Amino acid sequence: MTNPFVDKAKENMGTIERLLKGLPIVRGYVDKELRREADYRLRQTIAGSLESEKQRMHDLQKKLLKGGGLLYMDDLDGAITRVQKLADRVKTASYGFGGLLDAVKIQEDQLDALHRFDVGLAERTYEVQQAVESLGSAVEQKSGIGDAIDSLTEKLGELNRLYDARHKAVEDPEALAAAPVVEKEWMQAADVAAESAGSEKDGEEKEGFFKRIFDRDDK
């Protein structure tokens, strides 16, 4: 029995690694002085990815227009607007004082929940990227375009809701109970990618880990 994450990762290792390397490692949240910097790093990674997808969507919009796909212009334009608004929100988010980022100490279960939120955001962002990819295929084949736009819009909604939940949890630690359940492969890959981000052996260590995870047989 194959694992969907493993199958996709084999095809898109570079994309996944770029997302995961942008996540803060857990100890970035342990030190109170580093928490806002860690949060900023996460948000810039997600926002940057969304902005890249927005450009891809603009390019697809131009192809549609040239190919007589005027029927889908409004729906795709709406999706582009959603991406831009979400990217802006993530990039410029601000928090009040007294929440998780300003706590004297974060408990272990809180760290675990916040980390799951972060990895969950990377996973949902990757799903948005894949939805844009599917839309590109639909545009090329001139088939299933409406369904592809609907799927993309749905994935954007999922990412938006998860980001809202994380934002609330940062301001109110009790909301950490809403942290998502994340595939173990994502959690493992995120931990290793983040830990090796500044290492001199980064490429060697990371490549070896991803090969062990993605090239194994899933029974």
C-alpha atoms as a PDB file:
ATOM      1  CA  MET A   1       0.000   0.000   0.000  1.00  0.00           C
ATOM      2  CA  THR A   2       1.542   3.281  -1.073  1.00  0.00           C
ATOM      3  CA  ASN A   3       1.664   6.485   0.952  1.00  0.00           C
ATOM      4  CA  PRO A   4       0.346   9.585  -0.901  1.00  0.00           C
ATOM      5  CA  PHE A   5       2.919  11.850   0.737  1.00  0.00           C
ATOM      6  CA  VAL A   6       5.805   9.580  -0.229  1.00  0.00           C
ATOM      7  CA  ASP A   7       4.557   9.256  -3.813  1.00  0.00           C
ATOM      8  CA  LYS A   8       4.222  13.014  -4.253  1.00  0.00           C
ATOM      9  CA  ALA A   9       7.499  13.703  -2.494  1.00  0.00           C
ATOM     10  CA  LYS A  10       9.401  11.546  -4.932  1.00  0.00           C
ATOM     11  CA  GLU A  11       8.165  13.806  -7.727  1.00  0.00           C
ATOM     12  CA  ASN A  12       8.548  17.108  -5.886  1.00  0.00           C
ATOM     13  CA  MET A  13      11.392  16.771  -3.394  1.00  0.00           C
ATOM     14  CA  GLY A  14      12.789  20.235  -4.116  1.00  0.00           C
ATOM     15  CA  THR A  15       9.481  21.975  -3.516  1.00  0.00           C
ATOM     16  CA  ILE A  16       8.860  20.176  -0.241  1.00  0.00           C
ATOM     17  CA  GLU A  17      12.382  20.737   1.037  1.00  0.00           C
ATOM     18  CA  ARG A  18      12.210  24.477   0.368  1.00  0.00           C
ATOM     19  CA  LEU A  19       9.015  24.688   2.407  1.00  0.00           C
ATOM     20  CA  LEU A  20      10.290  22.579   5.264  1.00  0.00           C
ATOM     21  CA  LYS A  21      13.624  24.365   5.495  1.00  0.00           C
ATOM     22  CA  GLY A  22      11.694  27.581   6.094  1.00  0.00           C
ATOM     23  CA  LEU A  23      10.136  26.218   9.280  1.00  0.00           C
ATOM     24  CA  PRO A  24      11.596  27.206  12.640  1.00  0.00           C
ATOM     25  CA  ILE A  25      13.100  24.382  14.655  1.00  0.00           C
ATOM     26  CA  VAL A  26      11.372  23.748  17.969  1.00  0.00           C
ATOM     27  CA  ARG A  27      14.128  25.338  20.055  1.00  0.00           C
ATOM     28  CA  GLY A  28      13.451  28.591  18.224  1.00  0.00           C
ATOM     29  CA  TYR A  29      10.291  28.816  20.309  1.00  0.00           C
ATOM     30  CA  VAL A  30      11.910  27.779  23.593  1.00  0.00           C
ATOM     31  CA  ASP A  31      13.966  30.965  23.858  1.00  0.00           C
ATOM     32  CA  LYS A  32      11.600  33.868  24.442  1.00  0.00           C
ATOM     33  CA  GLU A  33      13.962  36.277  22.678  1.00  0.00           C
ATOM     34  CA  LEU A  34      13.873  34.196  19.482  1.00  0.00           C
ATOM     35  CA  ARG A  35      10.161  33.418  19.231  1.00  0.00           C
ATOM     36  CA  ARG A  36       9.085  36.382  17.173  1.00  0.00           C
ATOM     37  CA  GLU A  37      12.009  35.860  14.810  1.00  0.00           C
ATOM     38  CA  ALA A  38      11.040  32.180  14.455  1.00  0.00           C
ATOM     39  CA  ASP A  39       7.441  33.110  13.765  1.00  0.00           C
ATOM     40  CA  TYR A  40       8.567  35.717  11.225  1.00  0.00           C
ATOM     41  CA  ARG A  41      10.689  33.130   9.410  1.00  0.00           C
ATOM     42  CA  LEU A  42       7.752  30.778   9.126  1.00  0.00           C
ATOM     43  CA  ARG A  43       5.400  33.456   7.849  1.00  0.00           C
ATOM     44  CA  GLN A  44       7.852  34.733   5.241  1.00  0.00           C
ATOM     45  CA  THR A  45       8.347  31.205   3.914  1.00  0.00           C
ATOM     46  CA  ILE A  46       4.612  30.605   3.531  1.00  0.00           C
ATOM     47  CA  ALA A  47       3.931  34.071   2.103  1.00  0.00           C
ATOM     48  CA  GLY A  48       6.800  33.779  -0.379  1.00  0.00           C
ATOM     49  CA  SER A  49       5.486  30.469  -1.646  1.00  0.00           C
ATOM     50  CA  LEU A  50       1.981  31.886  -2.050  1.00  0.00           C
ATOM     51  CA  GLU A  51       3.294  34.848  -4.007  1.00  0.00           C
ATOM     52  CA  SER A  52       5.110  32.485  -6.354  1.00  0.00           C
ATOM     53  CA  GLU A  53       1.879  30.579  -6.904  1.00  0.00           C
ATOM     54  CA  LYS A  54       0.038  33.821  -7.579  1.00  0.00           C
ATOM     55  CA  GLN A  55       2.465  34.563 -10.408  1.00  0.00           C
ATOM     56  CA  ARG A  56       1.945  31.094 -11.845  1.00  0.00           C
ATOM     57  CA  MET A  57      -1.806  31.675 -11.709  1.00  0.00           C
ATOM     58  CA  HIS A  58      -1.431  34.987 -13.549  1.00  0.00           C
ATOM     59  CA  ASP A  59       0.511  33.177 -16.269  1.00  0.00           C
ATOM     60  CA  LEU A  60      -2.225  30.544 -16.528  1.00  0.00           C
ATOM     61  CA  GLN A  61      -4.818  33.300 -16.753  1.00  0.00           C
ATOM     62  CA  LYS A  62      -3.021  34.730 -19.772  1.00  0.00           C
ATOM     63  CA  LYS A  63      -2.938  31.298 -21.414  1.00  0.00           C
ATOM     64  CA  LEU A  64      -6.647  30.872 -20.778  1.00  0.00           C
ATOM     65  CA  LEU A  65      -7.421  34.236 -22.316  1.00  0.00           C
ATOM     66  CA  LYS A  66      -5.408  33.448 -25.424  1.00  0.00           C
ATOM     67  CA  GLY A  67      -6.997  30.027 -25.676  1.00  0.00           C
ATOM     68  CA  GLY A  68     -10.571  31.239 -25.529  1.00  0.00           C
ATOM     69  CA  GLY A  69     -11.134  30.400 -21.861  1.00  0.00           C
ATOM     70  CA  LEU A  70     -12.947  33.631 -21.055  1.00  0.00           C
ATOM     71  CA  LEU A  71     -15.587  31.610 -19.221  1.00  0.00           C
ATOM     72  CA  TYR A  72     -13.131  30.896 -16.389  1.00  0.00           C
ATOM     73  CA  MET A  73     -11.634  34.359 -16.017  1.00  0.00           C
ATOM     74  CA  ASP A  74     -13.789  35.505 -13.095  1.00  0.00           C
ATOM     75  CA  ASP A  75     -13.324  32.317 -11.087  1.00  0.00           C
ATOM     76  CA  LEU A  76      -9.568  32.294 -11.586  1.00  0.00           C
ATOM     77  CA  ASP A  77      -9.355  35.988 -10.829  1.00  0.00           C
ATOM     78  CA  GLY A  78     -11.193  35.302  -7.582  1.00  0.00           C
ATOM     79  CA  ALA A  79      -8.677  32.593  -6.677  1.00  0.00           C
ATOM     80  CA  ILE A  80      -5.784  34.943  -7.435  1.00  0.00           C
ATOM     81  CA  THR A  81      -7.307  37.565  -5.155  1.00  0.00           C
ATOM     82  CA  ARG A  82      -7.623  34.966  -2.388  1.00  0.00           C
ATOM     83  CA  VAL A  83      -3.961  34.034  -2.739  1.00  0.00           C
ATOM     84  CA  GLN A  84      -2.843  37.657  -2.611  1.00  0.00           C
ATOM     85  CA  LYS A  85      -4.963  38.474   0.443  1.00  0.00           C
ATOM     86  CA  LEU A  86      -3.736  35.405   2.289  1.00  0.00           C
ATOM     87  CA  ALA A  87      -0.098  36.097   1.419  1.00  0.00           C
ATOM     88  CA  ASP A  88      -0.469  39.693   2.661  1.00  0.00           C
ATOM     89  CA  ARG A  89      -2.109  38.552   5.902  1.00  0.00           C
ATOM     90  CA  VAL A  90       0.568  35.972   6.599  1.00  0.00           C
ATOM     91  CA  LYS A  91       3.436  38.302   5.744  1.00  0.00           C
ATOM     92  CA  THR A  92       2.258  41.273   7.807  1.00  0.00           C
ATOM     93  CA  ALA A  93       0.617  39.509  10.756  1.00  0.00           C
ATOM     94  CA  SER A  94       1.037  41.112  14.155  1.00  0.00           C
ATOM     95  CA  TYR A  95       0.253  39.847  17.631  1.00  0.00           C
ATOM     96  CA  GLY A  96      -0.638  41.570  20.847  1.00  0.00           C
ATOM     97  CA  PHE A  97       1.354  41.140  24.026  1.00  0.00           C
ATOM     98  CA  GLY A  98       0.745  38.441  26.601  1.00  0.00           C
ATOM     99  CA  GLY A  99       0.261  35.535  24.210  1.00  0.00           C
ATOM    100  CA  LEU A 100       2.430  32.531  23.459  1.00  0.00           C
ATOM    101  CA  LEU A 101       5.280  34.579  21.989  1.00  0.00           C
ATOM    102  CA  ASP A 102       5.664  36.528  25.229  1.00  0.00           C
ATOM    103  CA  ALA A 103       5.206  33.715  27.744  1.00  0.00           C
ATOM    104  CA  VAL A 104       8.082  33.275  30.183  1.00  0.00           C
ATOM    105  CA  LYS A 105       8.126  29.574  29.438  1.00  0.00           C
ATOM    106  CA  ILE A 106       6.368  27.357  26.899  1.00  0.00           C
ATOM    107  CA  GLN A 107       5.369  23.885  28.039  1.00  0.00           C
ATOM    108  CA  GLU A 108       6.431  20.826  26.085  1.00  0.00           C
ATOM    109  CA  ASP A 109       2.886  20.021  24.951  1.00  0.00           C
ATOM    110  CA  GLN A 110       2.490  23.613  23.754  1.00  0.00           C
ATOM    111  CA  LEU A 111       5.711  23.372  21.746  1.00  0.00           C
ATOM    112  CA  ASP A 112       4.514  20.159  20.163  1.00  0.00           C
ATOM    113  CA  ALA A 113       1.165  21.690  19.214  1.00  0.00           C
ATOM    114  CA  LEU A 114       2.759  24.834  17.755  1.00  0.00           C
ATOM    115  CA  HIS A 115       5.197  22.733  15.747  1.00  0.00           C
ATOM    116  CA  ARG A 116       2.297  20.687  14.359  1.00  0.00           C
ATOM    117  CA  PHE A 117       0.591  23.918  13.335  1.00  0.00           C
ATOM    118  CA  ASP A 118       3.761  24.990  11.502  1.00  0.00           C
ATOM    119  CA  VAL A 119       4.241  21.706   9.680  1.00  0.00           C
ATOM    120  CA  GLY A 120       0.527  21.629   8.905  1.00  0.00           C
ATOM    121  CA  LEU A 121       0.836  25.030   7.240  1.00  0.00           C
ATOM    122  CA  ALA A 122       3.710  23.748   5.115  1.00  0.00           C
ATOM    123  CA  GLU A 123       1.626  20.725   4.132  1.00  0.00           C
ATOM    124  CA  ARG A 124      -1.393  22.847   3.192  1.00  0.00           C
ATOM    125  CA  THR A 125       0.830  25.248   1.236  1.00  0.00           C
ATOM    126  CA  TYR A 126       2.248  22.311  -0.690  1.00  0.00           C
ATOM    127  CA  GLU A 127      -1.308  21.179  -1.478  1.00  0.00           C
ATOM    128  CA  VAL A 128      -2.022  24.651  -2.889  1.00  0.00           C
ATOM    129  CA  GLN A 129       1.088  24.333  -5.069  1.00  0.00           C
ATOM    130  CA  GLN A 130      -0.118  20.972  -6.325  1.00  0.00           C
ATOM    131  CA  ALA A 131      -3.569  22.400  -7.043  1.00  0.00           C
ATOM    132  CA  VAL A 132      -1.974  25.138  -9.170  1.00  0.00           C
ATOM    133  CA  GLU A 133       0.021  22.441 -10.944  1.00  0.00           C
ATOM    134  CA  SER A 134      -3.181  20.519 -11.662  1.00  0.00           C
ATOM    135  CA  LEU A 135      -4.794  23.689 -12.963  1.00  0.00           C
ATOM    136  CA  GLY A 136      -1.852  24.158 -15.321  1.00  0.00           C
ATOM    137  CA  SER A 137      -2.373  20.647 -16.683  1.00  0.00           C
ATOM    138  CA  ALA A 138      -6.075  21.309 -17.141  1.00  0.00           C
ATOM    139  CA  VAL A 139      -5.359  24.524 -19.037  1.00  0.00           C
ATOM    140  CA  GLU A 140      -2.895  22.725 -21.302  1.00  0.00           C
ATOM    141  CA  GLN A 141      -5.384  19.942 -22.000  1.00  0.00           C
ATOM    142  CA  LYS A 142      -8.345  22.332 -22.170  1.00  0.00           C
ATOM    143  CA  SER A 143     -10.287  19.951 -19.986  1.00  0.00           C
ATOM    144  CA  GLY A 144     -11.504  20.020 -16.384  1.00  0.00           C
ATOM    145  CA  ILE A 145     -10.544  23.653 -15.889  1.00  0.00           C
ATOM    146  CA  GLY A 146     -13.573  24.543 -13.792  1.00  0.00           C
ATOM    147  CA  ASP A 147     -13.037  21.584 -11.465  1.00  0.00           C
ATOM    148  CA  ALA A 148      -9.347  22.439 -11.125  1.00  0.00           C
ATOM    149  CA  ILE A 149     -10.172  26.024 -10.128  1.00  0.00           C
ATOM    150  CA  ASP A 150     -12.737  24.751  -7.620  1.00  0.00           C
ATOM    151  CA  SER A 151     -10.158  22.389  -6.119  1.00  0.00           C
ATOM    152  CA  LEU A 152      -7.606  25.189  -5.879  1.00  0.00           C
ATOM    153  CA  THR A 153     -10.145  27.436  -4.172  1.00  0.00           C
ATOM    154  CA  GLU A 154     -10.916  24.661  -1.697  1.00  0.00           C
ATOM    155  CA  LYS A 155      -7.231  24.174  -0.868  1.00  0.00           C
ATOM    156  CA  LEU A 156      -6.801  27.906  -0.362  1.00  0.00           C
ATOM    157  CA  GLY A 157      -9.742  27.852   2.038  1.00  0.00           C
ATOM    158  CA  GLU A 158      -8.177  25.012   4.026  1.00  0.00           C
ATOM    159  CA  LEU A 159      -4.866  26.863   4.283  1.00  0.00           C
ATOM    160  CA  ASN A 160      -6.632  30.060   5.287  1.00  0.00           C
ATOM    161  CA  ARG A 161      -8.596  28.317   8.054  1.00  0.00           C
ATOM    162  CA  LEU A 162      -5.507  26.604   9.416  1.00  0.00           C
ATOM    163  CA  TYR A 163      -3.598  29.871   9.420  1.00  0.00           C
ATOM    164  CA  ASP A 164      -6.462  31.524  11.304  1.00  0.00           C
ATOM    165  CA  ALA A 165      -6.387  28.729  13.881  1.00  0.00           C
ATOM    166  CA  ARG A 166      -2.622  29.085  14.358  1.00  0.00           C
ATOM    167  CA  HIS A 167      -2.864  32.854  14.683  1.00  0.00           C
ATOM    168  CA  LYS A 168      -5.511  32.444  17.379  1.00  0.00           C
ATOM    169  CA  ALA A 169      -3.378  29.852  19.177  1.00  0.00           C
ATOM    170  CA  VAL A 170      -0.371  32.177  19.254  1.00  0.00           C
ATOM    171  CA  GLU A 171      -2.496  34.846  20.911  1.00  0.00           C
ATOM    172  CA  ASP A 172      -4.405  32.415  23.148  1.00  0.00           C
ATOM    173  CA  PRO A 173      -2.462  29.235  24.077  1.00  0.00           C
ATOM    174  CA  GLU A 174      -5.692  27.441  25.003  1.00  0.00           C
ATOM    175  CA  ALA A 175      -6.474  27.368  21.274  1.00  0.00           C
ATOM    176  CA  LEU A 176      -3.442  25.117  20.742  1.00  0.00           C
ATOM    177  CA  ALA A 177      -5.863  22.258  21.324  1.00  0.00           C
ATOM    178  CA  ALA A 178      -6.962  22.793  17.696  1.00  0.00           C
ATOM    179  CA  ALA A 179      -3.498  21.855  16.349  1.00  0.00           C
ATOM    180  CA  PRO A 180      -3.869  19.554  13.338  1.00  0.00           C
ATOM    181  CA  VAL A 181      -2.921  15.919  13.078  1.00  0.00           C
ATOM    182  CA  VAL A 182       0.024  15.794  10.654  1.00  0.00           C
ATOM    183  CA  GLU A 183       1.371  12.828   8.673  1.00  0.00           C
ATOM    184  CA  LYS A 184       4.410  11.364  10.435  1.00  0.00           C
ATOM    185  CA  GLU A 185       6.478  11.671   7.232  1.00  0.00           C
ATOM    186  CA  TRP A 186       5.893  15.411   7.230  1.00  0.00           C
ATOM    187  CA  MET A 187       6.878  15.683  10.895  1.00  0.00           C
ATOM    188  CA  GLN A 188      10.046  13.638  10.404  1.00  0.00           C
ATOM    189  CA  ALA A 189      11.047  15.497   7.260  1.00  0.00           C
ATOM    190  CA  ALA A 190      10.405  18.875   8.893  1.00  0.00           C
ATOM    191  CA  ASP A 191      12.508  18.040  11.939  1.00  0.00           C
ATOM    192  CA  VAL A 192      15.506  16.921   9.899  1.00  0.00           C
ATOM    193  CA  ALA A 193      15.271  19.694   7.292  1.00  0.00           C
ATOM    194  CA  ALA A 194      15.086  22.366   9.990  1.00  0.00           C
ATOM    195  CA  GLU A 195      17.881  20.903  12.092  1.00  0.00           C
ATOM    196  CA  SER A 196      20.202  20.676   9.106  1.00  0.00           C
ATOM    197  CA  ALA A 197      19.357  24.094   7.664  1.00  0.00           C
ATOM    198  CA  GLY A 198      22.530  25.762   8.932  1.00  0.00           C
ATOM    199  CA  SER A 199      24.811  22.764   8.896  1.00  0.00           C
ATOM    200  CA  GLU A 200      27.952  22.549   6.748  1.00  0.00           C
ATOM    201  CA  LYS A 201      26.793  19.043   5.821  1.00  0.00           C
ATOM    202  CA  ASP A 202      23.308  20.285   5.020  1.00  0.00           C
ATOM    203  CA  GLY A 203      23.081  18.853   1.508  1.00  0.00           C
ATOM    204  CA  GLU A 204      24.559  15.471   2.368  1.00  0.00           C
ATOM    205  CA  GLU A 205      22.508  14.941   5.545  1.00  0.00           C
ATOM    206  CA  LYS A 206      19.260  16.145   4.074  1.00  0.00           C
ATOM    207  CA  GLU A 207      19.607  14.222   0.853  1.00  0.00           C
ATOM    208  CA  GLY A 208      20.299  11.030   2.770  1.00  0.00           C
ATOM    209  CA  PHE A 209      17.286  11.517   5.005  1.00  0.00           C
ATOM    210  CA  PHE A 210      14.871  12.297   2.211  1.00  0.00           C
ATOM    211  CA  LYS A 211      16.061   9.280   0.269  1.00  0.00           C
ATOM    212  CA  ARG A 212      15.490   7.035   3.271  1.00  0.00           C
ATOM    213  CA  ILE A 213      11.983   8.405   3.753  1.00  0.00           C
ATOM    214  CA  PHE A 214      10.876   8.750   0.137  1.00  0.00           C
ATOM    215  CA  ASP A 215      12.537   5.762  -1.484  1.00  0.00           C
ATOM    216  CA  ARG A 216      11.413   3.146   0.996  1.00  0.00           C
ATOM    217  CA  ASP A 217       8.690   0.639   0.136  1.00  0.00           C
ATOM    218  CA  ASP A 218       5.373   1.119   1.915  1.00  0.00           C
ATOM    219  CA  LYS A 219       3.599  -2.139   2.485  1.00  0.00           C
END
